[in-house]
Amino acid sequence: MPIAGAILVGLVALEHLWFLILEMFLFRQPTGLAAFHISQQTADACNVLAKNQGLYNGFLSAGLITALITGSSLLRRFTLTCVIVAGIYGAASLGDKAVFLGQSLPALLALLLTELGARAAGQTRPAVLVGRAT
């Protein structure tokens, strides 16, 4: 995977690690209240849901970090696609294009960049070969 693609994948992973911290630990703090534009009362009522959402963002981050460490293109593709779908759903359900721009677009760019880089490097073999992920 070319360095530019790997850097972008790493940035998407860091973004989701930040979401984990924001949703699991800072949601009811001034940082979380400002980020989500909610009142303390709303944050208190939704705290458990936010922590659960943060955990899922942590899984996305872990998937991308694992893909980078292991060089697994299958895991990278899968996790980036999950991030893209989550951002599309978030943008549609919240009616806020900023969610798409901040979440889906970086993941889409990372996916395109890493796929183009793999093709340029001649790595065009299937994602799974004889039971071994590449």
N, C-alpha and C. Protein backbone atom coordinates (compact mmCIF):
# COMPACT_ATOMS: atom_id res chain seq x y z
N MET A 1 0.86 -1.17 0.00
CA MET A 1 0.00 0.00 0.00
C MET A 1 0.90 1.23 0.00
N PRO A 2 0.71 2.11 -0.95
CA PRO A 2 1.53 3.33 -1.00
C PRO A 2 1.39 4.16 0.29
N ILE A 3 2.41 4.92 0.57
CA ILE A 3 2.48 5.67 1.82
C ILE A 3 1.33 6.68 1.96
N ALA A 4 0.95 7.35 0.88
CA ALA A 4 -0.14 8.34 0.97
C ALA A 4 -1.44 7.66 1.36
N GLY A 5 -1.72 6.50 0.78
CA GLY A 5 -2.93 5.77 1.13
C GLY A 5 -2.90 5.30 2.57
N ALA A 6 -1.75 4.79 3.01
CA ALA A 6 -1.61 4.32 4.38
C ALA A 6 -1.79 5.48 5.37
N ILE A 7 -1.27 6.64 5.04
CA ILE A 7 -1.43 7.81 5.91
C ILE A 7 -2.89 8.19 6.02
N LEU A 8 -3.60 8.18 4.90
CA LEU A 8 -5.02 8.53 4.92
C LEU A 8 -5.83 7.50 5.71
N VAL A 9 -5.52 6.23 5.55
CA VAL A 9 -6.19 5.18 6.35
C VAL A 9 -5.91 5.43 7.83
N GLY A 10 -4.66 5.76 8.16
CA GLY A 10 -4.31 6.06 9.55
C GLY A 10 -5.06 7.26 10.10
N LEU A 11 -5.25 8.28 9.27
CA LEU A 11 -6.01 9.46 9.71
C LEU A 11 -7.47 9.13 9.97
N VAL A 12 -8.05 8.29 9.12
CA VAL A 12 -9.44 7.84 9.34
C VAL A 12 -9.51 7.04 10.65
N ALA A 13 -8.51 6.20 10.90
CA ALA A 13 -8.47 5.44 12.15
C ALA A 13 -8.37 6.37 13.35
N LEU A 14 -7.54 7.40 13.25
CA LEU A 14 -7.41 8.37 14.35
C LEU A 14 -8.70 9.15 14.56
N GLU A 15 -9.38 9.48 13.46
CA GLU A 15 -10.65 10.18 13.55
C GLU A 15 -11.66 9.36 14.36
N HIS A 16 -11.72 8.06 14.10
CA HIS A 16 -12.66 7.21 14.82
C HIS A 16 -12.21 6.92 16.24
N LEU A 17 -10.93 6.96 16.48
CA LEU A 17 -10.44 6.88 17.85
C LEU A 17 -10.87 8.13 18.63
N TRP A 18 -10.82 9.29 17.98
CA TRP A 18 -11.30 10.53 18.59
C TRP A 18 -12.80 10.44 18.88
N PHE A 19 -13.57 9.86 17.93
CA PHE A 19 -15.01 9.69 18.16
C PHE A 19 -15.24 8.81 19.40
N LEU A 20 -14.45 7.76 19.56
CA LEU A 20 -14.56 6.90 20.74
C LEU A 20 -14.36 7.74 22.00
N ILE A 21 -13.30 8.51 22.05
CA ILE A 21 -13.00 9.33 23.23
C ILE A 21 -14.12 10.34 23.48
N LEU A 22 -14.56 10.99 22.43
CA LEU A 22 -15.61 12.00 22.53
C LEU A 22 -16.91 11.40 23.04
N GLU A 23 -17.29 10.25 22.50
CA GLU A 23 -18.58 9.66 22.85
C GLU A 23 -18.56 8.87 24.15
N MET A 24 -17.44 8.25 24.46
CA MET A 24 -17.39 7.43 25.67
C MET A 24 -16.96 8.21 26.92
N PHE A 25 -16.14 9.20 26.74
CA PHE A 25 -15.56 9.87 27.91
C PHE A 25 -15.86 11.36 28.02
N LEU A 26 -16.13 12.02 26.92
CA LEU A 26 -16.33 13.48 26.94
C LEU A 26 -17.76 13.90 26.61
N PHE A 27 -18.65 12.95 26.40
CA PHE A 27 -20.00 13.25 25.93
C PHE A 27 -20.75 14.20 26.86
N ARG A 28 -20.61 14.02 28.16
CA ARG A 28 -21.34 14.85 29.13
C ARG A 28 -20.52 16.05 29.59
N GLN A 29 -19.32 16.19 29.04
CA GLN A 29 -18.43 17.30 29.40
C GLN A 29 -18.67 18.47 28.42
N PRO A 30 -18.15 19.65 28.72
CA PRO A 30 -18.33 20.79 27.81
C PRO A 30 -17.89 20.50 26.37
N THR A 31 -16.82 19.72 26.20
CA THR A 31 -16.37 19.38 24.84
C THR A 31 -17.43 18.60 24.08
N GLY A 32 -18.02 17.61 24.72
CA GLY A 32 -19.07 16.81 24.09
C GLY A 32 -20.34 17.61 23.85
N LEU A 33 -20.72 18.42 24.82
CA LEU A 33 -21.93 19.24 24.66
C LEU A 33 -21.79 20.17 23.47
N ALA A 34 -20.61 20.76 23.32
CA ALA A 34 -20.38 21.67 22.20
C ALA A 34 -20.31 20.91 20.87
N ALA A 35 -19.65 19.78 20.87
CA ALA A 35 -19.49 19.01 19.63
C ALA A 35 -20.83 18.53 19.09
N PHE A 36 -21.72 18.12 19.98
CA PHE A 36 -23.01 17.58 19.55
C PHE A 36 -24.14 18.60 19.63
N HIS A 37 -23.83 19.81 20.08
CA HIS A 37 -24.83 20.88 20.17
C HIS A 37 -26.05 20.42 20.98
N ILE A 38 -25.78 19.89 22.17
CA ILE A 38 -26.85 19.39 23.03
C ILE A 38 -26.74 19.98 24.42
N SER A 39 -27.85 19.89 25.15
CA SER A 39 -27.87 20.38 26.53
C SER A 39 -27.33 19.31 27.46
N GLN A 40 -27.01 19.72 28.68
CA GLN A 40 -26.55 18.77 29.69
C GLN A 40 -27.63 17.73 29.96
N GLN A 41 -28.88 18.15 29.99
CA GLN A 41 -29.99 17.23 30.24
C GLN A 41 -30.08 16.16 29.15
N THR A 42 -29.94 16.57 27.90
CA THR A 42 -29.97 15.61 26.79
C THR A 42 -28.77 14.67 26.87
N ALA A 43 -27.60 15.21 27.17
CA ALA A 43 -26.40 14.37 27.28
C ALA A 43 -26.55 13.35 28.40
N ASP A 44 -27.11 13.77 29.52
CA ASP A 44 -27.31 12.84 30.63
C ASP A 44 -28.27 11.72 30.23
N ALA A 45 -29.32 12.06 29.49
CA ALA A 45 -30.32 11.08 29.08
C ALA A 45 -29.78 10.11 28.03
N CYS A 46 -28.86 10.58 27.18
CA CYS A 46 -28.35 9.78 26.06
C CYS A 46 -26.97 9.19 26.31
N ASN A 47 -26.45 9.34 27.52
CA ASN A 47 -25.07 8.96 27.81
C ASN A 47 -24.76 7.50 27.47
N VAL A 48 -25.63 6.58 27.85
CA VAL A 48 -25.38 5.16 27.60
C VAL A 48 -25.36 4.88 26.10
N LEU A 49 -26.27 5.51 25.36
CA LEU A 49 -26.29 5.34 23.90
C LEU A 49 -25.01 5.87 23.27
N ALA A 50 -24.54 7.01 23.75
CA ALA A 50 -23.31 7.60 23.20
C ALA A 50 -22.11 6.70 23.49
N LYS A 51 -22.06 6.11 24.67
CA LYS A 51 -20.94 5.21 24.99
C LYS A 51 -20.96 3.99 24.09
N ASN A 52 -22.14 3.46 23.80
CA ASN A 52 -22.26 2.33 22.90
C ASN A 52 -21.79 2.72 21.49
N GLN A 53 -22.20 3.88 21.04
CA GLN A 53 -21.77 4.38 19.73
C GLN A 53 -20.26 4.59 19.69
N GLY A 54 -19.71 5.09 20.77
CA GLY A 54 -18.27 5.27 20.85
C GLY A 54 -17.52 3.96 20.75
N LEU A 55 -18.07 2.92 21.37
CA LEU A 55 -17.45 1.61 21.30
C LEU A 55 -17.39 1.12 19.85
N TYR A 56 -18.46 1.31 19.11
CA TYR A 56 -18.47 0.91 17.71
C TYR A 56 -17.46 1.70 16.89
N ASN A 57 -17.31 2.98 17.19
CA ASN A 57 -16.29 3.76 16.50
C ASN A 57 -14.89 3.25 16.84
N GLY A 58 -14.72 2.78 18.07
CA GLY A 58 -13.46 2.17 18.45
C GLY A 58 -13.17 0.91 17.64
N PHE A 59 -14.22 0.12 17.37
CA PHE A 59 -14.04 -1.08 16.55
C PHE A 59 -13.62 -0.72 15.13
N LEU A 60 -14.20 0.36 14.59
CA LEU A 60 -13.79 0.80 13.25
C LEU A 60 -12.32 1.22 13.26
N SER A 61 -11.93 1.95 14.26
CA SER A 61 -10.53 2.37 14.38
C SER A 61 -9.62 1.15 14.51
N ALA A 62 -10.01 0.20 15.34
CA ALA A 62 -9.20 -1.01 15.54
C ALA A 62 -9.08 -1.81 14.25
N GLY A 63 -10.16 -1.88 13.48
CA GLY A 63 -10.11 -2.59 12.20
C GLY A 63 -9.13 -1.96 11.24
N LEU A 64 -9.13 -0.64 11.18
CA LEU A 64 -8.21 0.05 10.27
C LEU A 64 -6.76 -0.06 10.74
N ILE A 65 -6.54 0.05 12.03
CA ILE A 65 -5.18 -0.09 12.57
C ILE A 65 -4.67 -1.51 12.33
N THR A 66 -5.53 -2.50 12.55
CA THR A 66 -5.14 -3.89 12.31
C THR A 66 -4.83 -4.11 10.83
N ALA A 67 -5.65 -3.52 9.95
CA ALA A 67 -5.40 -3.65 8.51
C ALA A 67 -4.05 -3.04 8.13
N LEU A 68 -3.71 -1.92 8.74
CA LEU A 68 -2.42 -1.28 8.45
C LEU A 68 -1.26 -2.14 8.95
N ILE A 69 -1.39 -2.67 10.16
CA ILE A 69 -0.31 -3.46 10.75
C ILE A 69 -0.10 -4.77 9.99
N THR A 70 -1.20 -5.43 9.64
CA THR A 70 -1.10 -6.74 8.98
C THR A 70 -0.99 -6.65 7.47
N GLY A 71 -1.29 -5.48 6.91
CA GLY A 71 -1.28 -5.33 5.46
C GLY A 71 -2.46 -6.01 4.79
N SER A 72 -3.53 -6.25 5.54
CA SER A 72 -4.70 -6.94 5.01
C SER A 72 -5.57 -6.00 4.17
N SER A 73 -5.54 -6.19 2.87
CA SER A 73 -6.36 -5.36 1.99
C SER A 73 -7.84 -5.69 2.18
N LEU A 74 -8.14 -6.94 2.49
CA LEU A 74 -9.53 -7.34 2.71
C LEU A 74 -10.11 -6.61 3.92
N LEU A 75 -9.38 -6.61 5.03
CA LEU A 75 -9.85 -5.93 6.23
C LEU A 75 -9.92 -4.41 6.01
N ARG A 76 -8.94 -3.86 5.30
CA ARG A 76 -8.95 -2.43 5.00
C ARG A 76 -10.18 -2.07 4.19
N ARG A 77 -10.45 -2.83 3.14
CA ARG A 77 -11.63 -2.57 2.29
C ARG A 77 -12.92 -2.66 3.09
N PHE A 78 -13.03 -3.73 3.86
CA PHE A 78 -14.25 -3.94 4.64
C PHE A 78 -14.48 -2.79 5.63
N THR A 79 -13.46 -2.45 6.39
CA THR A 79 -13.62 -1.43 7.44
C THR A 79 -13.86 -0.05 6.85
N LEU A 80 -13.14 0.29 5.79
CA LEU A 80 -13.39 1.59 5.15
C LEU A 80 -14.80 1.65 4.58
N THR A 81 -15.28 0.55 4.03
CA THR A 81 -16.65 0.52 3.51
C THR A 81 -17.66 0.70 4.65
N CYS A 82 -17.39 0.09 5.80
CA CYS A 82 -18.26 0.29 6.97
C CYS A 82 -18.29 1.76 7.38
N VAL A 83 -17.13 2.41 7.37
CA VAL A 83 -17.06 3.83 7.72
C VAL A 83 -17.86 4.67 6.72
N ILE A 84 -17.72 4.35 5.44
CA ILE A 84 -18.45 5.09 4.40
C ILE A 84 -19.95 4.95 4.60
N VAL A 85 -20.42 3.72 4.81
CA VAL A 85 -21.85 3.48 5.00
C VAL A 85 -22.35 4.18 6.27
N ALA A 86 -21.58 4.11 7.34
CA ALA A 86 -21.98 4.78 8.59
C ALA A 86 -22.11 6.29 8.39
N GLY A 87 -21.19 6.87 7.64
CA GLY A 87 -21.26 8.31 7.38
C GLY A 87 -22.44 8.68 6.50
N ILE A 88 -22.74 7.86 5.51
CA ILE A 88 -23.90 8.12 4.65
C ILE A 88 -25.18 8.04 5.48
N TYR A 89 -25.28 6.99 6.29
CA TYR A 89 -26.47 6.85 7.14
C TYR A 89 -26.58 8.01 8.13
N GLY A 90 -25.47 8.37 8.75
CA GLY A 90 -25.48 9.48 9.69
C GLY A 90 -25.89 10.78 9.04
N ALA A 91 -25.38 11.04 7.87
CA ALA A 91 -25.74 12.28 7.15
C ALA A 91 -27.22 12.28 6.79
N ALA A 92 -27.72 11.14 6.32
CA ALA A 92 -29.13 11.06 5.93
C ALA A 92 -30.05 11.15 7.14
N SER A 93 -29.72 10.44 8.20
CA SER A 93 -30.62 10.42 9.37
C SER A 93 -30.59 11.75 10.14
N LEU A 94 -29.46 12.41 10.13
CA LEU A 94 -29.36 13.70 10.83
C LEU A 94 -29.69 14.87 9.92
N GLY A 95 -29.75 14.62 8.61
CA GLY A 95 -29.98 15.71 7.67
C GLY A 95 -28.83 16.71 7.65
N ASP A 96 -27.61 16.21 7.82
CA ASP A 96 -26.44 17.08 7.93
C ASP A 96 -25.34 16.57 6.99
N LYS A 97 -25.09 17.32 5.92
CA LYS A 97 -24.06 16.93 4.95
C LYS A 97 -22.66 16.91 5.56
N ALA A 98 -22.47 17.64 6.64
CA ALA A 98 -21.15 17.70 7.28
C ALA A 98 -20.72 16.32 7.78
N VAL A 99 -21.67 15.47 8.16
CA VAL A 99 -21.33 14.12 8.60
C VAL A 99 -20.73 13.34 7.44
N PHE A 100 -21.33 13.47 6.27
CA PHE A 100 -20.79 12.80 5.09
C PHE A 100 -19.39 13.34 4.78
N LEU A 101 -19.26 14.64 4.77
CA LEU A 101 -17.97 15.26 4.43
C LEU A 101 -16.88 14.91 5.44
N GLY A 102 -17.23 14.83 6.71
CA GLY A 102 -16.24 14.57 7.74
C GLY A 102 -15.93 13.11 7.98
N GLN A 103 -16.88 12.23 7.63
CA GLN A 103 -16.68 10.81 7.92
C GLN A 103 -16.55 9.98 6.64
N SER A 104 -17.54 10.04 5.78
CA SER A 104 -17.52 9.19 4.58
C SER A 104 -16.48 9.63 3.56
N LEU A 105 -16.37 10.91 3.33
CA LEU A 105 -15.46 11.38 2.29
C LEU A 105 -14.00 11.00 2.56
N PRO A 106 -13.47 11.21 3.78
CA PRO A 106 -12.08 10.77 4.01
C PRO A 106 -11.90 9.26 3.82
N ALA A 107 -12.89 8.47 4.25
CA ALA A 107 -12.79 7.01 4.09
C ALA A 107 -12.87 6.63 2.62
N LEU A 108 -13.72 7.31 1.87
CA LEU A 108 -13.83 7.04 0.43
C LEU A 108 -12.52 7.39 -0.28
N LEU A 109 -11.94 8.52 0.08
CA LEU A 109 -10.66 8.90 -0.50
C LEU A 109 -9.56 7.91 -0.13
N ALA A 110 -9.56 7.44 1.12
CA ALA A 110 -8.57 6.45 1.55
C ALA A 110 -8.75 5.16 0.76
N LEU A 111 -9.99 4.74 0.57
CA LEU A 111 -10.25 3.51 -0.18
C LEU A 111 -9.79 3.66 -1.64
N LEU A 112 -10.14 4.76 -2.26
CA LEU A 112 -9.73 4.98 -3.65
C LEU A 112 -8.22 5.07 -3.79
N LEU A 113 -7.60 5.80 -2.90
CA LEU A 113 -6.14 5.97 -2.97
C LEU A 113 -5.41 4.65 -2.77
N THR A 114 -5.85 3.86 -1.80
CA THR A 114 -5.17 2.58 -1.55
C THR A 114 -5.43 1.59 -2.68
N GLU A 115 -6.62 1.61 -3.25
CA GLU A 115 -6.91 0.70 -4.36
C GLU A 115 -6.13 1.10 -5.61
N LEU A 116 -6.07 2.38 -5.90
CA LEU A 116 -5.29 2.84 -7.05
C LEU A 116 -3.81 2.54 -6.86
N GLY A 117 -3.33 2.72 -5.63
CA GLY A 117 -1.94 2.42 -5.33
C GLY A 117 -1.62 0.95 -5.49
N ALA A 118 -2.55 0.10 -5.07
CA ALA A 118 -2.36 -1.35 -5.21
C ALA A 118 -2.33 -1.74 -6.68
N ARG A 119 -3.20 -1.15 -7.47
CA ARG A 119 -3.21 -1.45 -8.91
C ARG A 119 -1.92 -0.98 -9.57
N ALA A 120 -1.46 0.20 -9.19
CA ALA A 120 -0.22 0.73 -9.77
C ALA A 120 0.97 -0.14 -9.40
N ALA A 121 0.91 -0.75 -8.23
CA ALA A 121 2.00 -1.62 -7.78
C ALA A 121 1.84 -3.04 -8.32
N GLY A 122 0.77 -3.27 -9.09
CA GLY A 122 0.56 -4.59 -9.68
C GLY A 122 -0.04 -5.60 -8.75
N GLN A 123 -0.63 -5.15 -7.67
CA GLN A 123 -1.27 -6.05 -6.70
C GLN A 123 -2.75 -6.19 -7.06
N THR A 124 -3.02 -6.92 -8.13
CA THR A 124 -4.39 -7.04 -8.59
C THR A 124 -4.99 -8.41 -8.34
N ARG A 125 -4.35 -9.21 -7.52
CA ARG A 125 -4.87 -10.54 -7.25
C ARG A 125 -6.13 -10.44 -6.38
N PRO A 126 -6.94 -11.49 -6.35
CA PRO A 126 -8.18 -11.46 -5.57
C PRO A 126 -7.91 -11.23 -4.09
N ALA A 127 -8.93 -10.74 -3.39
CA ALA A 127 -8.79 -10.44 -1.96
C ALA A 127 -8.56 -11.71 -1.14
N VAL A 128 -9.11 -12.84 -1.55
CA VAL A 128 -8.92 -14.09 -0.82
C VAL A 128 -8.38 -15.13 -1.79
N LEU A 129 -7.27 -15.70 -1.43
CA LEU A 129 -6.62 -16.71 -2.27
C LEU A 129 -6.37 -17.96 -1.44
N VAL A 130 -7.01 -19.03 -1.77
CA VAL A 130 -6.82 -20.30 -1.07
C VAL A 130 -6.93 -20.11 0.45
N GLY A 131 -7.97 -19.42 0.87
CA GLY A 131 -8.23 -19.25 2.29
C GLY A 131 -7.32 -18.28 3.01
N ARG A 132 -6.44 -17.60 2.28
CA ARG A 132 -5.51 -16.65 2.90
C ARG A 132 -5.87 -15.23 2.49
N ALA A 133 -6.21 -14.39 3.45
CA ALA A 133 -6.54 -12.99 3.15
C ALA A 133 -5.27 -12.26 2.76
N THR A 134 -5.41 -11.35 1.81
CA THR A 134 -4.24 -10.56 1.38
C THR A 134 -4.38 -9.14 1.83
